[in-house]
C-alpha atoms as a PDB file:
ATOM      1  CA  MET A   1      -0.023   0.035  -0.038  1.00  0.00           C
ATOM      2  CA  ASN A   2       1.327   3.435  -0.865  1.00  0.00           C
ATOM      3  CA  ILE A   3       0.654   5.327   2.310  1.00  0.00           C
ATOM      4  CA  LYS A   4       1.787   8.919   2.623  1.00  0.00           C
ATOM      5  CA  ASN A   5       4.418   8.646   5.062  1.00  0.00           C
ATOM      6  CA  ASN A   6       6.134   5.724   3.522  1.00  0.00           C
ATOM      7  CA  SER A   7       9.241   5.981   1.646  1.00  0.00           C
ATOM      8  CA  ARG A   8       7.932   4.811  -1.746  1.00  0.00           C
ATOM      9  CA  TYR A   9       5.012   7.269  -1.505  1.00  0.00           C
ATOM     10  CA  LYS A  10       7.723  10.208  -0.766  1.00  0.00           C
ATOM     11  CA  MET A  11      10.017   8.852  -3.547  1.00  0.00           C
ATOM     12  CA  SER A  12       7.309   9.041  -6.123  1.00  0.00           C
ATOM     13  CA  SER A  13       6.432  12.619  -5.007  1.00  0.00           C
ATOM     14  CA  GLU A  14      10.070  13.678  -5.375  1.00  0.00           C
ATOM     15  CA  LYS A  15      10.066  11.933  -8.878  1.00  0.00           C
ATOM     16  CA  ILE A  16       6.789  13.889  -9.826  1.00  0.00           C
ATOM     17  CA  GLU A  17       8.273  17.214  -8.667  1.00  0.00           C
ATOM     18  CA  THR A  18      11.561  16.806 -10.094  1.00  0.00           C
ATOM     19  CA  ALA A  19      10.042  15.781 -13.509  1.00  0.00           C
ATOM     20  CA  PHE A  20       7.927  18.818 -13.502  1.00  0.00           C
ATOM     21  CA  LEU A  21      10.708  21.220 -12.459  1.00  0.00           C
ATOM     22  CA  THR A  22      12.845  19.432 -15.322  1.00  0.00           C
ATOM     23  CA  LEU A  23       9.933  20.393 -17.803  1.00  0.00           C
ATOM     24  CA  ILE A  24       9.285  23.854 -16.788  1.00  0.00           C
ATOM     25  CA  LEU A  25      12.771  24.656 -17.518  1.00  0.00           C
ATOM     26  CA  ASN A  26      12.238  23.886 -21.109  1.00  0.00           C
ATOM     27  CA  HIS A  27       8.536  24.548 -21.575  1.00  0.00           C
ATOM     28  CA  LYS A  28       6.096  27.029 -20.873  1.00  0.00           C
ATOM     29  CA  TYR A  29       3.841  26.272 -17.792  1.00  0.00           C
ATOM     30  CA  GLU A  30       0.799  26.184 -19.757  1.00  0.00           C
ATOM     31  CA  ASP A  31       2.176  23.851 -22.337  1.00  0.00           C
ATOM     32  CA  ILE A  32       3.007  21.265 -19.838  1.00  0.00           C
ATOM     33  CA  ASN A  33       0.498  18.294 -19.295  1.00  0.00           C
ATOM     34  CA  ILE A  34       0.252  15.252 -16.858  1.00  0.00           C
ATOM     35  CA  SER A  35       1.209  12.923 -19.542  1.00  0.00           C
ATOM     36  CA  GLN A  36       4.588  14.643 -20.057  1.00  0.00           C
ATOM     37  CA  ILE A  37       5.158  14.728 -16.059  1.00  0.00           C
ATOM     38  CA  CYS A  38       4.283  10.998 -15.813  1.00  0.00           C
ATOM     39  CA  GLU A  39       6.678  10.263 -18.733  1.00  0.00           C
ATOM     40  CA  GLN A  40       9.447  12.248 -17.495  1.00  0.00           C
ATOM     41  CA  ALA A  41       9.118  10.754 -13.912  1.00  0.00           C
ATOM     42  CA  ASN A  42       8.533   7.135 -15.395  1.00  0.00           C
ATOM     43  CA  ILE A  43       5.086   6.686 -13.575  1.00  0.00           C
ATOM     44  CA  ASN A  44       1.801   6.028 -14.186  1.00  0.00           C
ATOM     45  CA  ARG A  45      -0.959   8.641 -14.465  1.00  0.00           C
ATOM     46  CA  SER A  46      -2.719   6.906 -11.368  1.00  0.00           C
ATOM     47  CA  THR A  47       0.486   7.395  -9.236  1.00  0.00           C
ATOM     48  CA  PHE A  48       0.175  11.170 -10.167  1.00  0.00           C
ATOM     49  CA  TYR A  49      -3.300  11.340  -9.091  1.00  0.00           C
ATOM     50  CA  CYS A  50      -2.498   9.521  -6.057  1.00  0.00           C
ATOM     51  CA  HIS A  51      -0.374  12.228  -5.015  1.00  0.00           C
ATOM     52  CA  TYR A  52      -1.900  15.635  -6.840  1.00  0.00           C
ATOM     53  CA  ASP A  53      -5.407  16.594  -8.032  1.00  0.00           C
ATOM     54  CA  ASP A  54      -3.874  18.443 -11.149  1.00  0.00           C
ATOM     55  CA  ILE A  55      -0.786  20.204 -12.254  1.00  0.00           C
ATOM     56  CA  ASN A  56      -2.115  23.332 -10.230  1.00  0.00           C
ATOM     57  CA  ASP A  57      -1.933  21.257  -7.213  1.00  0.00           C
ATOM     58  CA  LEU A  58       1.490  19.990  -7.965  1.00  0.00           C
ATOM     59  CA  VAL A  59       2.691  23.542  -8.119  1.00  0.00           C
ATOM     60  CA  ILE A  60       0.998  24.691  -4.917  1.00  0.00           C
ATOM     61  CA  LYS A  61       2.502  21.950  -2.721  1.00  0.00           C
ATOM     62  CA  ILE A  62       5.962  22.536  -4.437  1.00  0.00           C
ATOM     63  CA  GLU A  63       6.106  26.270  -3.929  1.00  0.00           C
ATOM     64  CA  SER A  64       4.479  25.853  -0.368  1.00  0.00           C
ATOM     65  CA  LYS A  65       7.459  23.576   0.790  1.00  0.00           C
ATOM     66  CA  PHE A  66       9.885  26.260  -0.573  1.00  0.00           C
ATOM     67  CA  ALA A  67       7.852  29.277   0.738  1.00  0.00           C
ATOM     68  CA  ASN A  68       7.723  27.642   4.350  1.00  0.00           C
ATOM     69  CA  SER A  69      11.735  27.362   4.188  1.00  0.00           C
ATOM     70  CA  MET A  70      11.818  30.869   2.904  1.00  0.00           C
ATOM     71  CA  LYS A  71       9.437  32.215   5.728  1.00  0.00           C
ATOM     72  CA  THR A  72      11.650  30.391   8.232  1.00  0.00           C
ATOM     73  CA  ILE A  73      14.678  32.170   6.893  1.00  0.00           C
ATOM     74  CA  PHE A  74      13.010  35.580   7.793  1.00  0.00           C
ATOM     75  CA  ALA A  75      11.306  34.294  10.763  1.00  0.00           C
ATOM     76  CA  TYR A  76       7.956  35.769   9.510  1.00  0.00           C
ATOM     77  CA  GLY A  77       9.180  39.321   9.095  1.00  0.00           C
ATOM     78  CA  GLU A  78      10.947  39.408  12.470  1.00  0.00           C
ATOM     79  CA  ARG A  79      14.492  38.906  10.910  1.00  0.00           C
ATOM     80  CA  GLN A  80      15.370  41.193   8.270  1.00  0.00           C
ATOM     81  CA  THR A  81      19.019  41.615   8.542  1.00  0.00           C
ATOM     82  CA  HIS A  82      22.083  41.684   6.039  1.00  0.00           C
ATOM     83  CA  GLN A  83      22.547  37.953   7.580  1.00  0.00           C
ATOM     84  CA  ALA A  84      19.058  37.114   6.515  1.00  0.00           C
ATOM     85  CA  PHE A  85      19.270  38.237   3.152  1.00  0.00           C
ATOM     86  CA  ILE A  86      22.500  36.187   2.800  1.00  0.00           C
ATOM     87  CA  ASP A  87      20.653  33.070   4.053  1.00  0.00           C
ATOM     88  CA  MET A  88      18.001  33.909   1.469  1.00  0.00           C
ATOM     89  CA  PHE A  89      20.418  34.206  -1.492  1.00  0.00           C
ATOM     90  CA  THR A  90      22.326  31.086  -0.293  1.00  0.00           C
ATOM     91  CA  PHE A  91      18.751  29.067   0.044  1.00  0.00           C
ATOM     92  CA  VAL A  92      18.217  30.316  -3.627  1.00  0.00           C
ATOM     93  CA  LYS A  93      21.468  29.178  -4.820  1.00  0.00           C
ATOM     94  CA  GLU A  94      21.344  25.866  -3.260  1.00  0.00           C
ATOM     95  CA  ASN A  95      18.071  25.252  -4.812  1.00  0.00           C
ATOM     96  CA  LYS A  96      18.416  26.906  -8.065  1.00  0.00           C
ATOM     97  CA  TYR A  97      16.885  24.067  -9.920  1.00  0.00           C
ATOM     98  CA  PHE A  98      13.544  24.876  -8.363  1.00  0.00           C
ATOM     99  CA  TYR A  99      13.867  28.637  -8.374  1.00  0.00           C
ATOM    100  CA  LYS A 100      14.905  28.845 -12.200  1.00  0.00           C
ATOM    101  CA  ALA A 101      11.721  26.972 -12.896  1.00  0.00           C
ATOM    102  CA  PHE A 102       9.515  28.694 -10.424  1.00  0.00           C
ATOM    103  CA  LEU A 103      10.723  32.210 -11.504  1.00  0.00           C
ATOM    104  CA  SER A 104       9.658  31.291 -14.890  1.00  0.00           C
ATOM    105  CA  ILE A 105       6.183  30.904 -14.134  1.00  0.00           C
ATOM    106  CA  PRO A 106       4.530  34.237 -15.481  1.00  0.00           C
ATOM    107  CA  TYR A 107       2.188  34.960 -12.554  1.00  0.00           C
ATOM    108  CA  GLN A 108       2.306  35.614  -9.115  1.00  0.00           C
ATOM    109  CA  THR A 109       1.845  32.385  -7.509  1.00  0.00           C
ATOM    110  CA  LEU A 110      -0.380  31.439  -4.310  1.00  0.00           C
ATOM    111  CA  ALA A 111       2.765  30.753  -2.100  1.00  0.00           C
ATOM    112  CA  GLU A 112       4.030  34.340  -3.196  1.00  0.00           C
ATOM    113  CA  THR A 113       0.718  35.843  -2.340  1.00  0.00           C
ATOM    114  CA  ASN A 114       0.407  34.184   1.097  1.00  0.00           C
ATOM    115  CA  THR A 115       4.074  34.826   1.905  1.00  0.00           C
ATOM    116  CA  LYS A 116       3.479  38.704   1.164  1.00  0.00           C
ATOM    117  CA  MET A 117       0.087  38.732   3.073  1.00  0.00           C
ATOM    118  CA  ASP A 118       2.079  37.178   6.010  1.00  0.00           C
ATOM    119  CA  ILE A 119       4.711  39.603   6.085  1.00  0.00           C
ATOM    120  CA  LEU A 120       2.516  42.406   5.742  1.00  0.00           C
ATOM    121  CA  LYS A 121       0.363  41.017   8.577  1.00  0.00           C
ATOM    122  CA  ASN A 122       3.448  40.801  10.780  1.00  0.00           C
ATOM    123  CA  ILE A 123       4.500  44.398   9.790  1.00  0.00           C
ATOM    124  CA  GLY A 124       1.173  45.524  10.997  1.00  0.00           C
ATOM    125  CA  GLU A 125       1.181  43.725  14.050  1.00  0.00           C
ATOM    126  CA  LYS A 126       4.626  44.887  15.037  1.00  0.00           C
ATOM    127  CA  THR A 127       3.855  48.478  14.212  1.00  0.00           C
ATOM    128  CA  ASN A 128       0.166  48.785  14.771  1.00  0.00           C
ATOM    129  CA  ILE A 129      -0.276  49.580  11.042  1.00  0.00           C
ATOM    130  CA  ASP A 130      -3.461  48.387   9.480  1.00  0.00           C
ATOM    131  CA  LYS A 131      -2.991  47.908   5.633  1.00  0.00           C
ATOM    132  CA  THR A 132      -6.199  49.513   4.864  1.00  0.00           C
ATOM    133  CA  ASN A 133      -5.162  52.719   6.756  1.00  0.00           C
ATOM    134  CA  ASN A 134      -1.796  52.768   5.434  1.00  0.00           C
ATOM    135  CA  ILE A 135      -1.967  51.515   1.727  1.00  0.00           C
ATOM    136  CA  GLY A 136       1.523  52.864   1.180  1.00  0.00           C
ATOM    137  CA  ILE A 137       3.251  49.958   3.092  1.00  0.00           C
ATOM    138  CA  PHE A 138       1.328  47.732   1.002  1.00  0.00           C
ATOM    139  CA  TYR A 139       2.641  49.062  -2.170  1.00  0.00           C
ATOM    140  CA  ARG A 140       5.974  49.214  -0.866  1.00  0.00           C
ATOM    141  CA  ALA A 141       6.112  45.601   0.182  1.00  0.00           C
ATOM    142  CA  SER A 142       4.777  44.429  -3.232  1.00  0.00           C
ATOM    143  CA  PHE A 143       7.579  46.758  -4.917  1.00  0.00           C
ATOM    144  CA  PHE A 144      10.171  45.270  -2.634  1.00  0.00           C
ATOM    145  CA  GLY A 145       9.057  41.583  -3.180  1.00  0.00           C
ATOM    146  CA  ALA A 146       8.880  42.120  -6.864  1.00  0.00           C
ATOM    147  CA  GLY A 147      12.546  43.606  -7.034  1.00  0.00           C
ATOM    148  CA  ILE A 148      13.939  40.783  -4.858  1.00  0.00           C
ATOM    149  CA  LYS A 149      12.307  38.295  -7.255  1.00  0.00           C
ATOM    150  CA  GLU A 150      13.839  39.895 -10.408  1.00  0.00           C
ATOM    151  CA  MET A 151      17.068  40.205  -8.801  1.00  0.00           C
ATOM    152  CA  CYS A 152      17.140  36.341  -8.090  1.00  0.00           C
ATOM    153  CA  ARG A 153      15.799  35.439 -11.577  1.00  0.00           C
ATOM    154  CA  LEU A 154      18.573  37.546 -13.229  1.00  0.00           C
ATOM    155  CA  TRP A 155      21.160  36.249 -10.626  1.00  0.00           C
ATOM    156  CA  LEU A 156      20.135  32.758 -11.468  1.00  0.00           C
ATOM    157  CA  GLU A 157      20.197  33.612 -15.234  1.00  0.00           C
ATOM    158  CA  ARG A 158      24.001  34.502 -14.778  1.00  0.00           C
ATOM    159  CA  ASP A 159      24.452  31.076 -12.705  1.00  0.00           C
ATOM    160  CA  CYS A 160      24.809  32.736  -9.669  1.00  0.00           C
ATOM    161  CA  ILE A 161      28.382  34.510 -10.417  1.00  0.00           C
ATOM    162  CA  GLU A 162      28.207  37.026  -7.516  1.00  0.00           C
ATOM    163  CA  SER A 163      28.152  35.547  -3.891  1.00  0.00           C
ATOM    164  CA  PRO A 164      25.187  35.475  -1.656  1.00  0.00           C
ATOM    165  CA  GLU A 165      27.136  37.937   0.333  1.00  0.00           C
ATOM    166  CA  GLU A 166      27.294  40.356  -2.702  1.00  0.00           C
ATOM    167  CA  MET A 167      23.783  39.998  -3.716  1.00  0.00           C
ATOM    168  CA  ALA A 168      22.499  40.761  -0.058  1.00  0.00           C
ATOM    169  CA  SER A 169      24.622  43.978  -0.024  1.00  0.00           C
ATOM    170  CA  LEU A 170      23.487  44.912  -3.411  1.00  0.00           C
ATOM    171  CA  LEU A 171      20.108  44.579  -2.107  1.00  0.00           C
ATOM    172  CA  LEU A 172      20.321  46.358   1.065  1.00  0.00           C
ATOM    173  CA  GLU A 173      22.153  49.151  -0.722  1.00  0.00           C
ATOM    174  CA  GLU A 174      19.396  49.861  -2.926  1.00  0.00           C
ATOM    175  CA  TYR A 175      16.961  49.689  -0.349  1.00  0.00           C
ATOM    176  CA  LYS A 176      19.014  51.599   2.492  1.00  0.00           C
ATOM    177  CA  ASN A 177      16.939  54.269   3.957  1.00  0.00           C
ATOM    178  CA  ARG A 178      13.605  53.167   2.629  1.00  0.00           C
ATOM    179  CA  GLU A 179      10.919  51.851   4.667  1.00  0.00           C
ATOM    180  CA  CYS A 180       9.681  48.166   4.373  1.00  0.00           C
END
């Protein structure tokens, strides 16, 4: 029996996720189908459906794992230091296979939206700012997040030539003396 906690089930999930990430590096997201994923992973369709409802469910589960790791790095907005950004760039570099694929998806993903909302909520709780009463912080956080995403995309495109330390310094220099 293929129960969620056994190693065979976990191995199948990893194969499916790796297959999807391999495909997205060479195909547009909207052109990928379940048959391609199954062929790439060398599994049956029924195995895919034991793990995921559809491709969107697969993407949500993959990105949620990485988003949770990223949230941990920043401790839900509590840790916004030079070292936190070094840790972020290090994590991206260590998982560049995922991030190259993830950053090629042409829309804001559910994990991105949820992470941004978590950070905004944390900022609001720490500073007693209600997003609806201070819409500027919402726009600045969105701008900042989009900037980080594009920096990471370009850095990965350049095969991470600069060190995580250099990238963190570039990022912080750009946003020095800016709120959020």
